[in-house]
Amino acid sequence: MEWVWVLFKGYIYKQFTREGKEPSEEELQHEFMRLLGASTVTVLVQEPWQGSVRFKALARYTWDEMTPLLHDPMNYLLETFGGGNFKLNFHEGWNFVATQNFKPQGEPKWHDMPDLDAV
């Protein structure tokens, strides 16, 4: 899950500096674990749409649901949704934390899945 730490580190560091604190590595790690437990991740896929592209929301996971995705994102995405251009958006409540793109190769399974944002 090192890749997730890299995504969250800047967001966490900014929180400390807004409070006028210079955090230690231990404080950063502690806040990372707290924040990760309070975060959600939305899985989106890029799809052609009206001569352009859009991002279709396929799933939204809380901490207790996202662990398999975080440990092996490429295989999880491929097995669950098939191939495509995926974007993982992390949020703390309404606050955007970070995003990461993945492009597993394979047949798409997501075409007939509903768009979470349209439901």
PDB file of N, CA and C in Angstrom:
ATOM      1  N   MET A   1       0.807  -1.200   0.000  1.00  0.00           N
ATOM      2  CA  MET A   1       0.000   0.000   0.000  1.00  0.00           C
ATOM      3  C   MET A   1       0.854   1.269   0.000  1.00  0.00           C
ATOM      4  N   GLU A   2       2.115   1.119  -0.319  1.00  0.00           N
ATOM      5  CA  GLU A   2       3.015   2.276  -0.367  1.00  0.00           C
ATOM      6  C   GLU A   2       2.493   3.343  -1.328  1.00  0.00           C
ATOM      7  N   TRP A   3       1.886   2.926  -2.415  1.00  0.00           N
ATOM      8  CA  TRP A   3       1.370   3.876  -3.409  1.00  0.00           C
ATOM      9  C   TRP A   3       0.289   4.777  -2.816  1.00  0.00           C
ATOM     10  N   VAL A   4      -0.484   4.267  -1.865  1.00  0.00           N
ATOM     11  CA  VAL A   4      -1.539   5.066  -1.231  1.00  0.00           C
ATOM     12  C   VAL A   4      -0.907   6.108  -0.306  1.00  0.00           C
ATOM     13  N   TRP A   5       0.128   5.711   0.419  1.00  0.00           N
ATOM     14  CA  TRP A   5       0.834   6.643   1.306  1.00  0.00           C
ATOM     15  C   TRP A   5       1.379   7.824   0.497  1.00  0.00           C
ATOM     16  N   VAL A   6       1.957   7.533  -0.665  1.00  0.00           N
ATOM     17  CA  VAL A   6       2.502   8.593  -1.518  1.00  0.00           C
ATOM     18  C   VAL A   6       1.396   9.574  -1.912  1.00  0.00           C
ATOM     19  N   LEU A   7       0.211   9.066  -2.221  1.00  0.00           N
ATOM     20  CA  LEU A   7      -0.921   9.929  -2.586  1.00  0.00           C
ATOM     21  C   LEU A   7      -1.375  10.807  -1.425  1.00  0.00           C
ATOM     22  N   PHE A   8      -1.445  10.241  -0.237  1.00  0.00           N
ATOM     23  CA  PHE A   8      -2.009  10.929   0.920  1.00  0.00           C
ATOM     24  C   PHE A   8      -1.020  11.860   1.616  1.00  0.00           C
ATOM     25  N   LYS A   9       0.272  11.629   1.459  1.00  0.00           N
ATOM     26  CA  LYS A   9       1.281  12.347   2.242  1.00  0.00           C
ATOM     27  C   LYS A   9       1.171  13.865   2.093  1.00  0.00           C
ATOM     28  N   GLY A  10       1.045  14.362   0.865  1.00  0.00           N
ATOM     29  CA  GLY A  10       0.943  15.806   0.650  1.00  0.00           C
ATOM     30  C   GLY A  10      -0.289  16.405   1.310  1.00  0.00           C
ATOM     31  N   TYR A  11      -1.408  15.719   1.215  1.00  0.00           N
ATOM     32  CA  TYR A  11      -2.658  16.178   1.822  1.00  0.00           C
ATOM     33  C   TYR A  11      -2.518  16.265   3.340  1.00  0.00           C
ATOM     34  N   ILE A  12      -1.928  15.242   3.925  1.00  0.00           N
ATOM     35  CA  ILE A  12      -1.750  15.191   5.378  1.00  0.00           C
ATOM     36  C   ILE A  12      -0.768  16.271   5.835  1.00  0.00           C
ATOM     37  N   TYR A  13       0.329  16.411   5.099  1.00  0.00           N
ATOM     38  CA  TYR A  13       1.332  17.408   5.462  1.00  0.00           C
ATOM     39  C   TYR A  13       0.726  18.812   5.452  1.00  0.00           C
ATOM     40  N   LYS A  14      -0.112  19.106   4.457  1.00  0.00           N
ATOM     41  CA  LYS A  14      -0.759  20.420   4.377  1.00  0.00           C
ATOM     42  C   LYS A  14      -1.657  20.673   5.584  1.00  0.00           C
ATOM     43  N   GLN A  15      -2.320  19.631   6.077  1.00  0.00           N
ATOM     44  CA  GLN A  15      -3.171  19.792   7.257  1.00  0.00           C
ATOM     45  C   GLN A  15      -2.339  20.243   8.456  1.00  0.00           C
ATOM     46  N   PHE A  16      -1.188  19.635   8.654  1.00  0.00           N
ATOM     47  CA  PHE A  16      -0.317  20.004   9.770  1.00  0.00           C
ATOM     48  C   PHE A  16       0.220  21.419   9.610  1.00  0.00           C
ATOM     49  N   THR A  17       0.655  21.761   8.400  1.00  0.00           N
ATOM     50  CA  THR A  17       1.242  23.083   8.206  1.00  0.00           C
ATOM     51  C   THR A  17       0.201  24.192   8.335  1.00  0.00           C
ATOM     52  N   ARG A  18      -1.054  23.915   7.994  1.00  0.00           N
ATOM     53  CA  ARG A  18      -2.116  24.917   8.208  1.00  0.00           C
ATOM     54  C   ARG A  18      -2.286  25.233   9.684  1.00  0.00           C
ATOM     55  N   GLU A  19      -1.974  24.236  10.507  1.00  0.00           N
ATOM     56  CA  GLU A  19      -2.062  24.419  11.958  1.00  0.00           C
ATOM     57  C   GLU A  19      -0.755  24.944  12.537  1.00  0.00           C
ATOM     58  N   GLY A  20       0.220  25.216  11.674  1.00  0.00           N
ATOM     59  CA  GLY A  20       1.500  25.750  12.119  1.00  0.00           C
ATOM     60  C   GLY A  20       2.414  24.707  12.745  1.00  0.00           C
ATOM     61  N   LYS A  21       2.200  23.432  12.424  1.00  0.00           N
ATOM     62  CA  LYS A  21       3.008  22.353  13.000  1.00  0.00           C
ATOM     63  C   LYS A  21       3.935  21.757  11.950  1.00  0.00           C
ATOM     64  N   GLU A  22       5.097  21.338  12.393  1.00  0.00           N
ATOM     65  CA  GLU A  22       6.029  20.579  11.565  1.00  0.00           C
ATOM     66  C   GLU A  22       5.948  19.134  12.066  1.00  0.00           C
ATOM     67  N   PRO A  23       5.231  18.255  11.348  1.00  0.00           N
ATOM     68  CA  PRO A  23       4.981  16.907  11.862  1.00  0.00           C
ATOM     69  C   PRO A  23       6.199  15.993  11.762  1.00  0.00           C
ATOM     70  N   SER A  24       6.271  15.081  12.704  1.00  0.00           N
ATOM     71  CA  SER A  24       7.288  14.031  12.638  1.00  0.00           C
ATOM     72  C   SER A  24       6.759  12.931  11.720  1.00  0.00           C
ATOM     73  N   GLU A  25       7.635  12.026  11.320  1.00  0.00           N
ATOM     74  CA  GLU A  25       7.208  10.893  10.486  1.00  0.00           C
ATOM     75  C   GLU A  25       6.167  10.049  11.226  1.00  0.00           C
ATOM     76  N   GLU A  26       6.331   9.915  12.523  1.00  0.00           N
ATOM     77  CA  GLU A  26       5.370   9.144  13.330  1.00  0.00           C
ATOM     78  C   GLU A  26       3.995   9.813  13.310  1.00  0.00           C
ATOM     79  N   GLU A  27       3.961  11.129  13.437  1.00  0.00           N
ATOM     80  CA  GLU A  27       2.679  11.852  13.391  1.00  0.00           C
ATOM     81  C   GLU A  27       2.026  11.739  12.008  1.00  0.00           C
ATOM     82  N   LEU A  28       2.845  11.813  10.956  1.00  0.00           N
ATOM     83  CA  LEU A  28       2.324  11.663   9.606  1.00  0.00           C
ATOM     84  C   LEU A  28       1.723  10.271   9.408  1.00  0.00           C
ATOM     85  N   GLN A  29       2.423   9.259   9.855  1.00  0.00           N
ATOM     86  CA  GLN A  29       1.939   7.885   9.719  1.00  0.00           C
ATOM     87  C   GLN A  29       0.659   7.654  10.522  1.00  0.00           C
ATOM     88  N   HIS A  30       0.615   8.210  11.728  1.00  0.00           N
ATOM     89  CA  HIS A  30      -0.580   8.081  12.569  1.00  0.00           C
ATOM     90  C   HIS A  30      -1.781   8.748  11.895  1.00  0.00           C
ATOM     91  N   GLU A  31      -1.575   9.941  11.366  1.00  0.00           N
ATOM     92  CA  GLU A  31      -2.654  10.662  10.692  1.00  0.00           C
ATOM     93  C   GLU A  31      -3.059   9.938   9.404  1.00  0.00           C
ATOM     94  N   PHE A  32      -2.101   9.336   8.713  1.00  0.00           N
ATOM     95  CA  PHE A  32      -2.402   8.560   7.508  1.00  0.00           C
ATOM     96  C   PHE A  32      -3.360   7.414   7.831  1.00  0.00           C
ATOM     97  N   MET A  33      -3.067   6.674   8.868  1.00  0.00           N
ATOM     98  CA  MET A  33      -3.928   5.541   9.235  1.00  0.00           C
ATOM     99  C   MET A  33      -5.314   6.026   9.665  1.00  0.00           C
ATOM    100  N   ARG A  34      -5.362   7.128  10.392  1.00  0.00           N
ATOM    101  CA  ARG A  34      -6.654   7.673  10.807  1.00  0.00           C
ATOM    102  C   ARG A  34      -7.450   8.126   9.584  1.00  0.00           C
ATOM    103  N   LEU A  35      -6.788   8.861   8.711  1.00  0.00           N
ATOM    104  CA  LEU A  35      -7.436   9.401   7.531  1.00  0.00           C
ATOM    105  C   LEU A  35      -7.884   8.291   6.585  1.00  0.00           C
ATOM    106  N   LEU A  36      -7.051   7.307   6.382  1.00  0.00           N
ATOM    107  CA  LEU A  36      -7.402   6.199   5.505  1.00  0.00           C
ATOM    108  C   LEU A  36      -8.650   5.488   6.023  1.00  0.00           C
ATOM    109  N   GLY A  37      -8.737   5.317   7.324  1.00  0.00           N
ATOM    110  CA  GLY A  37      -9.900   4.676   7.926  1.00  0.00           C
ATOM    111  C   GLY A  37     -11.173   5.497   7.790  1.00  0.00           C
ATOM    112  N   ALA A  38     -11.041   6.794   7.593  1.00  0.00           N
ATOM    113  CA  ALA A  38     -12.196   7.689   7.468  1.00  0.00           C
ATOM    114  C   ALA A  38     -12.481   8.057   6.009  1.00  0.00           C
ATOM    115  N   SER A  39     -11.726   7.495   5.082  1.00  0.00           N
ATOM    116  CA  SER A  39     -11.835   7.876   3.675  1.00  0.00           C
ATOM    117  C   SER A  39     -12.734   6.945   2.882  1.00  0.00           C
ATOM    118  N   THR A  40     -13.110   7.442   1.707  1.00  0.00           N
ATOM    119  CA  THR A  40     -13.772   6.613   0.711  1.00  0.00           C
ATOM    120  C   THR A  40     -12.954   6.685  -0.568  1.00  0.00           C
ATOM    121  N   VAL A  41     -13.111   5.676  -1.403  1.00  0.00           N
ATOM    122  CA  VAL A  41     -12.492   5.681  -2.721  1.00  0.00           C
ATOM    123  C   VAL A  41     -13.590   5.381  -3.733  1.00  0.00           C
ATOM    124  N   THR A  42     -13.623   6.192  -4.783  1.00  0.00           N
ATOM    125  CA  THR A  42     -14.572   5.988  -5.864  1.00  0.00           C
ATOM    126  C   THR A  42     -13.810   5.466  -7.075  1.00  0.00           C
ATOM    127  N   VAL A  43     -14.321   4.377  -7.659  1.00  0.00           N
ATOM    128  CA  VAL A  43     -13.738   3.803  -8.860  1.00  0.00           C
ATOM    129  C   VAL A  43     -14.517   4.349 -10.055  1.00  0.00           C
ATOM    130  N   LEU A  44     -13.806   5.037 -10.937  1.00  0.00           N
ATOM    131  CA  LEU A  44     -14.415   5.576 -12.148  1.00  0.00           C
ATOM    132  C   LEU A  44     -13.707   4.992 -13.361  1.00  0.00           C
ATOM    133  N   VAL A  45     -14.436   4.896 -14.459  1.00  0.00           N
ATOM    134  CA  VAL A  45     -13.837   4.410 -15.695  1.00  0.00           C
ATOM    135  C   VAL A  45     -14.134   5.412 -16.808  1.00  0.00           C
ATOM    136  N   GLN A  46     -13.158   5.607 -17.652  1.00  0.00           N
ATOM    137  CA  GLN A  46     -13.322   6.511 -18.792  1.00  0.00           C
ATOM    138  C   GLN A  46     -14.095   5.766 -19.866  1.00  0.00           C
ATOM    139  N   GLU A  47     -15.161   6.412 -20.372  1.00  0.00           N
ATOM    140  CA  GLU A  47     -15.926   5.791 -21.453  1.00  0.00           C
ATOM    141  C   GLU A  47     -16.274   6.826 -22.510  1.00  0.00           C
ATOM    142  N   PRO A  48     -16.364   6.363 -23.769  1.00  0.00           N
ATOM    143  CA  PRO A  48     -16.793   7.278 -24.827  1.00  0.00           C
ATOM    144  C   PRO A  48     -18.221   7.750 -24.543  1.00  0.00           C
ATOM    145  N   TRP A  49     -18.473   9.022 -24.837  1.00  0.00           N
ATOM    146  CA  TRP A  49     -19.798   9.565 -24.564  1.00  0.00           C
ATOM    147  C   TRP A  49     -20.049  10.772 -25.451  1.00  0.00           C
ATOM    148  N   GLN A  50     -21.018  10.670 -26.327  1.00  0.00           N
ATOM    149  CA  GLN A  50     -21.436  11.755 -27.215  1.00  0.00           C
ATOM    150  C   GLN A  50     -20.266  12.433 -27.932  1.00  0.00           C
ATOM    151  N   GLY A  51     -19.403  11.640 -28.531  1.00  0.00           N
ATOM    152  CA  GLY A  51     -18.266  12.179 -29.271  1.00  0.00           C
ATOM    153  C   GLY A  51     -17.131  12.669 -28.403  1.00  0.00           C
ATOM    154  N   SER A  52     -17.206  12.438 -27.113  1.00  0.00           N
ATOM    155  CA  SER A  52     -16.168  12.854 -26.173  1.00  0.00           C
ATOM    156  C   SER A  52     -15.930  11.692 -25.207  1.00  0.00           C
ATOM    157  N   VAL A  53     -15.465  11.975 -24.012  1.00  0.00           N
ATOM    158  CA  VAL A  53     -15.328  10.955 -22.977  1.00  0.00           C
ATOM    159  C   VAL A  53     -15.883  11.506 -21.676  1.00  0.00           C
ATOM    160  N   ARG A  54     -16.276  10.597 -20.806  1.00  0.00           N
ATOM    161  CA  ARG A  54     -16.712  10.966 -19.459  1.00  0.00           C
ATOM    162  C   ARG A  54     -16.215   9.890 -18.513  1.00  0.00           C
ATOM    163  N   PHE A  55     -16.306  10.158 -17.228  1.00  0.00           N
ATOM    164  CA  PHE A  55     -15.937   9.165 -16.234  1.00  0.00           C
ATOM    165  C   PHE A  55     -17.196   8.645 -15.573  1.00  0.00           C
ATOM    166  N   LYS A  56     -17.405   7.356 -15.698  1.00  0.00           N
ATOM    167  CA  LYS A  56     -18.558   6.664 -15.144  1.00  0.00           C
ATOM    168  C   LYS A  56     -18.161   6.101 -13.776  1.00  0.00           C
ATOM    169  N   ALA A  57     -18.913   6.447 -12.734  1.00  0.00           N
ATOM    170  CA  ALA A  57     -18.638   5.948 -11.385  1.00  0.00           C
ATOM    171  C   ALA A  57     -19.176   4.521 -11.254  1.00  0.00           C
ATOM    172  N   LEU A  58     -18.295   3.589 -10.947  1.00  0.00           N
ATOM    173  CA  LEU A  58     -18.675   2.175 -10.862  1.00  0.00           C
ATOM    174  C   LEU A  58     -18.877   1.698  -9.431  1.00  0.00           C
ATOM    175  N   ALA A  59     -18.083   2.205  -8.503  1.00  0.00           N
ATOM    176  CA  ALA A  59     -18.153   1.733  -7.115  1.00  0.00           C
ATOM    177  C   ALA A  59     -17.609   2.798  -6.184  1.00  0.00           C
ATOM    178  N   ARG A  60     -18.098   2.772  -4.961  1.00  0.00           N
ATOM    179  CA  ARG A  60     -17.590   3.653  -3.909  1.00  0.00           C
ATOM    180  C   ARG A  60     -17.386   2.774  -2.674  1.00  0.00           C
ATOM    181  N   TYR A  61     -16.157   2.779  -2.159  1.00  0.00           N
ATOM    182  CA  TYR A  61     -15.808   1.900  -1.045  1.00  0.00           C
ATOM    183  C   TYR A  61     -15.396   2.689   0.182  1.00  0.00           C
ATOM    184  N   THR A  62     -15.775   2.178   1.344  1.00  0.00           N
ATOM    185  CA  THR A  62     -15.276   2.681   2.616  1.00  0.00           C
ATOM    186  C   THR A  62     -14.043   1.854   2.984  1.00  0.00           C
ATOM    187  N   TRP A  63     -13.401   2.223   4.080  1.00  0.00           N
ATOM    188  CA  TRP A  63     -12.161   1.557   4.483  1.00  0.00           C
ATOM    189  C   TRP A  63     -12.309   0.044   4.563  1.00  0.00           C
ATOM    190  N   ASP A  64     -13.348  -0.437   5.211  1.00  0.00           N
ATOM    191  CA  ASP A  64     -13.485  -1.881   5.399  1.00  0.00           C
ATOM    192  C   ASP A  64     -13.758  -2.617   4.093  1.00  0.00           C
ATOM    193  N   GLU A  65     -14.148  -1.911   3.047  1.00  0.00           N
ATOM    194  CA  GLU A  65     -14.416  -2.528   1.750  1.00  0.00           C
ATOM    195  C   GLU A  65     -13.260  -2.368   0.758  1.00  0.00           C
ATOM    196  N   MET A  66     -12.385  -1.400   0.969  1.00  0.00           N
ATOM    197  CA  MET A  66     -11.374  -1.071  -0.037  1.00  0.00           C
ATOM    198  C   MET A  66     -10.053  -1.810   0.106  1.00  0.00           C
ATOM    199  N   THR A  67      -9.847  -2.556   1.161  1.00  0.00           N
ATOM    200  CA  THR A  67      -8.550  -3.184   1.403  1.00  0.00           C
ATOM    201  C   THR A  67      -8.050  -4.040   0.236  1.00  0.00           C
ATOM    202  N   PRO A  68      -8.876  -4.931  -0.354  1.00  0.00           N
ATOM    203  CA  PRO A  68      -8.356  -5.709  -1.497  1.00  0.00           C
ATOM    204  C   PRO A  68      -7.941  -4.824  -2.675  1.00  0.00           C
ATOM    205  N   LEU A  69      -8.667  -3.762  -2.914  1.00  0.00           N
ATOM    206  CA  LEU A  69      -8.335  -2.827  -3.990  1.00  0.00           C
ATOM    207  C   LEU A  69      -6.994  -2.150  -3.722  1.00  0.00           C
ATOM    208  N   LEU A  70      -6.749  -1.752  -2.493  1.00  0.00           N
ATOM    209  CA  LEU A  70      -5.515  -1.046  -2.153  1.00  0.00           C
ATOM    210  C   LEU A  70      -4.294  -1.957  -2.216  1.00  0.00           C
ATOM    211  N   HIS A  71      -4.460  -3.222  -1.874  1.00  0.00           N
ATOM    212  CA  HIS A  71      -3.318  -4.144  -1.862  1.00  0.00           C
ATOM    213  C   HIS A  71      -2.873  -4.569  -3.255  1.00  0.00           C
ATOM    214  N   ASP A  72      -3.806  -4.670  -4.197  1.00  0.00           N
ATOM    215  CA  ASP A  72      -3.451  -5.096  -5.554  1.00  0.00           C
ATOM    216  C   ASP A  72      -4.420  -4.458  -6.546  1.00  0.00           C
ATOM    217  N   PRO A  73      -4.272  -3.152  -6.786  1.00  0.00           N
ATOM    218  CA  PRO A  73      -5.271  -2.435  -7.586  1.00  0.00           C
ATOM    219  C   PRO A  73      -5.432  -2.953  -9.013  1.00  0.00           C
ATOM    220  N   MET A  74      -4.349  -3.268  -9.693  1.00  0.00           N
ATOM    221  CA  MET A  74      -4.461  -3.716 -11.084  1.00  0.00           C
ATOM    222  C   MET A  74      -5.270  -5.013 -11.182  1.00  0.00           C
ATOM    223  N   ASN A  75      -4.944  -5.994 -10.368  1.00  0.00           N
ATOM    224  CA  ASN A  75      -5.667  -7.263 -10.423  1.00  0.00           C
ATOM    225  C   ASN A  75      -7.102  -7.117  -9.934  1.00  0.00           C
ATOM    226  N   TYR A  76      -7.307  -6.318  -8.897  1.00  0.00           N
ATOM    227  CA  TYR A  76      -8.666  -6.105  -8.401  1.00  0.00           C
ATOM    228  C   TYR A  76      -9.535  -5.472  -9.482  1.00  0.00           C
ATOM    229  N   LEU A  77      -9.040  -4.428 -10.123  1.00  0.00           N
ATOM    230  CA  LEU A  77      -9.803  -3.759 -11.173  1.00  0.00           C
ATOM    231  C   LEU A  77     -10.081  -4.705 -12.334  1.00  0.00           C
ATOM    232  N   LEU A  78      -9.077  -5.455 -12.752  1.00  0.00           N
ATOM    233  CA  LEU A  78      -9.228  -6.379 -13.866  1.00  0.00           C
ATOM    234  C   LEU A  78     -10.250  -7.471 -13.543  1.00  0.00           C
ATOM    235  N   GLU A  79     -10.154  -8.064 -12.352  1.00  0.00           N
ATOM    236  CA  GLU A  79     -11.072  -9.139 -11.970  1.00  0.00           C
ATOM    237  C   GLU A  79     -12.493  -8.628 -11.753  1.00  0.00           C
ATOM    238  N   THR A  80     -12.636  -7.437 -11.195  1.00  0.00           N
ATOM    239  CA  THR A  80     -13.956  -6.919 -10.841  1.00  0.00           C
ATOM    240  C   THR A  80     -14.626  -6.192 -11.995  1.00  0.00           C
ATOM    241  N   PHE A  81     -13.873  -5.383 -12.721  1.00  0.00           N
ATOM    242  CA  PHE A  81     -14.452  -4.509 -13.741  1.00  0.00           C
ATOM    243  C   PHE A  81     -13.932  -4.771 -15.154  1.00  0.00           C
ATOM    244  N   GLY A  82     -12.903  -5.596 -15.289  1.00  0.00           N
ATOM    245  CA  GLY A  82     -12.313  -5.846 -16.591  1.00  0.00           C
ATOM    246  C   GLY A  82     -11.314  -4.764 -16.950  1.00  0.00           C
ATOM    247  N   GLY A  83     -10.985  -4.693 -18.224  1.00  0.00           N
ATOM    248  CA  GLY A  83     -10.002  -3.719 -18.680  1.00  0.00           C
ATOM    249  C   GLY A  83     -10.606  -2.340 -18.888  1.00  0.00           C
ATOM    250  N   GLY A  84      -9.733  -1.336 -18.913  1.00  0.00           N
ATOM    251  CA  GLY A  84     -10.182   0.029 -19.147  1.00  0.00           C
ATOM    252  C   GLY A  84      -9.237   1.049 -18.556  1.00  0.00           C
ATOM    253  N   ASN A  85      -9.612   2.305 -18.690  1.00  0.00           N
ATOM    254  CA  ASN A  85      -8.864   3.422 -18.092  1.00  0.00           C
ATOM    255  C   ASN A  85      -9.590   3.840 -16.821  1.00  0.00           C
ATOM    256  N   PHE A  86      -9.047   3.447 -15.691  1.00  0.00           N
ATOM    257  CA  PHE A  86      -9.697   3.681 -14.406  1.00  0.00           C
ATOM    258  C   PHE A  86      -9.050   4.817 -13.646  1.00  0.00           C
ATOM    259  N   LYS A  87      -9.860   5.489 -12.854  1.00  0.00           N
ATOM    260  CA  LYS A  87      -9.412   6.569 -11.981  1.00  0.00           C
ATOM    261  C   LYS A  87      -9.945   6.230 -10.585  1.00  0.00           C
ATOM    262  N   LEU A  88      -9.058   6.252  -9.596  1.00  0.00           N
ATOM    263  CA  LEU A  88      -9.469   6.066  -8.202  1.00  0.00           C
ATOM    264  C   LEU A  88      -9.395   7.425  -7.519  1.00  0.00           C
ATOM    265  N   ASN A  89     -10.537   7.915  -7.056  1.00  0.00           N
ATOM    266  CA  ASN A  89     -10.592   9.203  -6.364  1.00  0.00           C
ATOM    267  C   ASN A  89     -10.810   8.963  -4.871  1.00  0.00           C
ATOM    268  N   PHE A  90      -9.903   9.488  -4.064  1.00  0.00           N
ATOM    269  CA  PHE A  90      -9.991   9.357  -2.608  1.00  0.00           C
ATOM    270  C   PHE A  90     -10.554  10.634  -2.011  1.00  0.00           C
ATOM    271  N   HIS A  91     -11.465  10.484  -1.060  1.00  0.00           N
ATOM    272  CA  HIS A  91     -12.083  11.627  -0.374  1.00  0.00           C
ATOM    273  C   HIS A  91     -12.113  11.402   1.135  1.00  0.00           C
ATOM    274  N   GLU A  92     -12.003  12.491   1.846  1.00  0.00           N
ATOM    275  CA  GLU A  92     -12.254  12.520   3.281  1.00  0.00           C
ATOM    276  C   GLU A  92     -13.530  13.347   3.422  1.00  0.00           C
ATOM    277  N   GLY A  93     -14.656  12.674   3.626  1.00  0.00           N
ATOM    278  CA  GLY A  93     -15.933  13.379   3.601  1.00  0.00           C
ATOM    279  C   GLY A  93     -16.117  13.999   2.225  1.00  0.00           C
ATOM    280  N   TRP A  94     -16.366  15.318   2.181  1.00  0.00           N
ATOM    281  CA  TRP A  94     -16.511  16.040   0.920  1.00  0.00           C
ATOM    282  C   TRP A  94     -15.177  16.502   0.359  1.00  0.00           C
ATOM    283  N   ASN A  95     -14.095  16.391   1.133  1.00  0.00           N
ATOM    284  CA  ASN A  95     -12.791  16.898   0.714  1.00  0.00           C
ATOM    285  C   ASN A  95     -12.062  15.898  -0.180  1.00  0.00           C
ATOM    286  N   PHE A  96     -11.628  16.370  -1.331  1.00  0.00           N
ATOM    287  CA  PHE A  96     -10.830  15.562  -2.244  1.00  0.00           C
ATOM    288  C   PHE A  96      -9.428  15.410  -1.670  1.00  0.00           C
ATOM    289  N   VAL A  97      -8.926  14.179  -1.641  1.00  0.00           N
ATOM    290  CA  VAL A  97      -7.587  13.904  -1.125  1.00  0.00           C
ATOM    291  C   VAL A  97      -6.599  13.707  -2.272  1.00  0.00           C
ATOM    292  N   ALA A  98      -6.896  12.763  -3.173  1.00  0.00           N
ATOM    293  CA  ALA A  98      -5.949  12.436  -4.244  1.00  0.00           C
ATOM    294  C   ALA A  98      -6.627  11.542  -5.272  1.00  0.00           C
ATOM    295  N   THR A  99      -5.953  11.380  -6.397  1.00  0.00           N
ATOM    296  CA  THR A  99      -6.435  10.480  -7.441  1.00  0.00           C
ATOM    297  C   THR A  99      -5.270   9.687  -8.008  1.00  0.00           C
ATOM    298  N   GLN A 100      -5.572   8.505  -8.519  1.00  0.00           N
ATOM    299  CA  GLN A 100      -4.559   7.663  -9.154  1.00  0.00           C
ATOM    300  C   GLN A 100      -5.214   6.940 -10.323  1.00  0.00           C
ATOM    301  N   ASN A 101      -4.517   6.874 -11.446  1.00  0.00           N
ATOM    302  CA  ASN A 101      -5.029   6.209 -12.642  1.00  0.00           C
ATOM    303  C   ASN A 101      -4.403   4.826 -12.808  1.00  0.00           C
ATOM    304  N   PHE A 102      -5.200   3.899 -13.345  1.00  0.00           N
ATOM    305  CA  PHE A 102      -4.739   2.546 -13.649  1.00  0.00           C
ATOM    306  C   PHE A 102      -5.335   2.144 -14.992  1.00  0.00           C
ATOM    307  N   LYS A 103      -4.602   1.322 -15.736  1.00  0.00           N
ATOM    308  CA  LYS A 103      -5.061   0.903 -17.049  1.00  0.00           C
ATOM    309  C   LYS A 103      -4.820  -0.599 -17.239  1.00  0.00           C
ATOM    310  N   PRO A 104      -5.604  -1.440 -16.549  1.00  0.00           N
ATOM    311  CA  PRO A 104      -5.445  -2.878 -16.762  1.00  0.00           C
ATOM    312  C   PRO A 104      -5.940  -3.261 -18.160  1.00  0.00           C
ATOM    313  N   GLN A 105      -5.229  -4.169 -18.783  1.00  0.00           N
ATOM    314  CA  GLN A 105      -5.577  -4.633 -20.128  1.00  0.00           C
ATOM    315  C   GLN A 105      -6.485  -5.856 -20.030  1.00  0.00           C
ATOM    316  N   GLY A 106      -7.557  -5.844 -20.770  1.00  0.00           N
ATOM    317  CA  GLY A 106      -8.470  -6.976 -20.795  1.00  0.00           C
ATOM    318  C   GLY A 106      -9.825  -6.545 -21.314  1.00  0.00           C
ATOM    319  N   GLU A 107     -10.709  -7.504 -21.412  1.00  0.00           N
ATOM    320  CA  GLU A 107     -12.072  -7.226 -21.863  1.00  0.00           C
ATOM    321  C   GLU A 107     -12.816  -6.451 -20.784  1.00  0.00           C
ATOM    322  N   PRO A 108     -13.490  -5.364 -21.152  1.00  0.00           N
ATOM    323  CA  PRO A 108     -14.259  -4.609 -20.166  1.00  0.00           C
ATOM    324  C   PRO A 108     -15.480  -5.390 -19.688  1.00  0.00           C
ATOM    325  N   LYS A 109     -15.698  -5.400 -18.384  1.00  0.00           N
ATOM    326  CA  LYS A 109     -16.880  -6.006 -17.782  1.00  0.00           C
ATOM    327  C   LYS A 109     -17.843  -4.916 -17.312  1.00  0.00           C
ATOM    328  N   TRP A 110     -17.414  -3.680 -17.360  1.00  0.00           N
ATOM    329  CA  TRP A 110     -18.132  -2.574 -16.741  1.00  0.00           C
ATOM    330  C   TRP A 110     -19.189  -1.934 -17.627  1.00  0.00           C
ATOM    331  N   HIS A 111     -19.236  -2.269 -18.917  1.00  0.00           N
ATOM    332  CA  HIS A 111     -20.162  -1.598 -19.841  1.00  0.00           C
ATOM    333  C   HIS A 111     -21.617  -1.598 -19.365  1.00  0.00           C
ATOM    334  N   ASP A 112     -22.091  -2.711 -18.853  1.00  0.00           N
ATOM    335  CA  ASP A 112     -23.499  -2.825 -18.440  1.00  0.00           C
ATOM    336  C   ASP A 112     -23.726  -2.478 -16.981  1.00  0.00           C
ATOM    337  N   MET A 113     -22.692  -2.085 -16.283  1.00  0.00           N
ATOM    338  CA  MET A 113     -22.852  -1.693 -14.878  1.00  0.00           C
ATOM    339  C   MET A 113     -23.450  -0.306 -14.810  1.00  0.00           C
ATOM    340  N   PRO A 114     -24.306  -0.058 -13.808  1.00  0.00           N
ATOM    341  CA  PRO A 114     -24.910   1.269 -13.690  1.00  0.00           C
ATOM    342  C   PRO A 114     -23.889   2.325 -13.243  1.00  0.00           C
ATOM    343  N   ASP A 115     -24.133   3.567 -13.627  1.00  0.00           N
ATOM    344  CA  ASP A 115     -23.333   4.693 -13.186  1.00  0.00           C
ATOM    345  C   ASP A 115     -23.862   5.114 -11.808  1.00  0.00           C
ATOM    346  N   LEU A 116     -23.027   5.013 -10.771  1.00  0.00           N
ATOM    347  CA  LEU A 116     -23.462   5.351  -9.411  1.00  0.00           C
ATOM    348  C   LEU A 116     -24.003   6.767  -9.309  1.00  0.00           C
ATOM    349  N   ASP A 117     -23.417   7.682 -10.071  1.00  0.00           N
ATOM    350  CA  ASP A 117     -23.827   9.068  -9.997  1.00  0.00           C
ATOM    351  C   ASP A 117     -25.159   9.321 -10.714  1.00  0.00           C
ATOM    352  N   ALA A 118     -25.585   8.373 -11.545  1.00  0.00           N
ATOM    353  CA  ALA A 118     -26.845   8.530 -12.283  1.00  0.00           C
ATOM    354  C   ALA A 118     -27.998   7.847 -11.556  1.00  0.00           C
ATOM    355  N   VAL A 119     -27.692   7.065 -10.539  1.00  0.00           N
ATOM    356  CA  VAL A 119     -28.733   6.305  -9.827  1.00  0.00           C
ATOM    357  C   VAL A 119     -29.386   7.164  -8.765  1.00  0.00           C
TER     358      VAL A 119
END
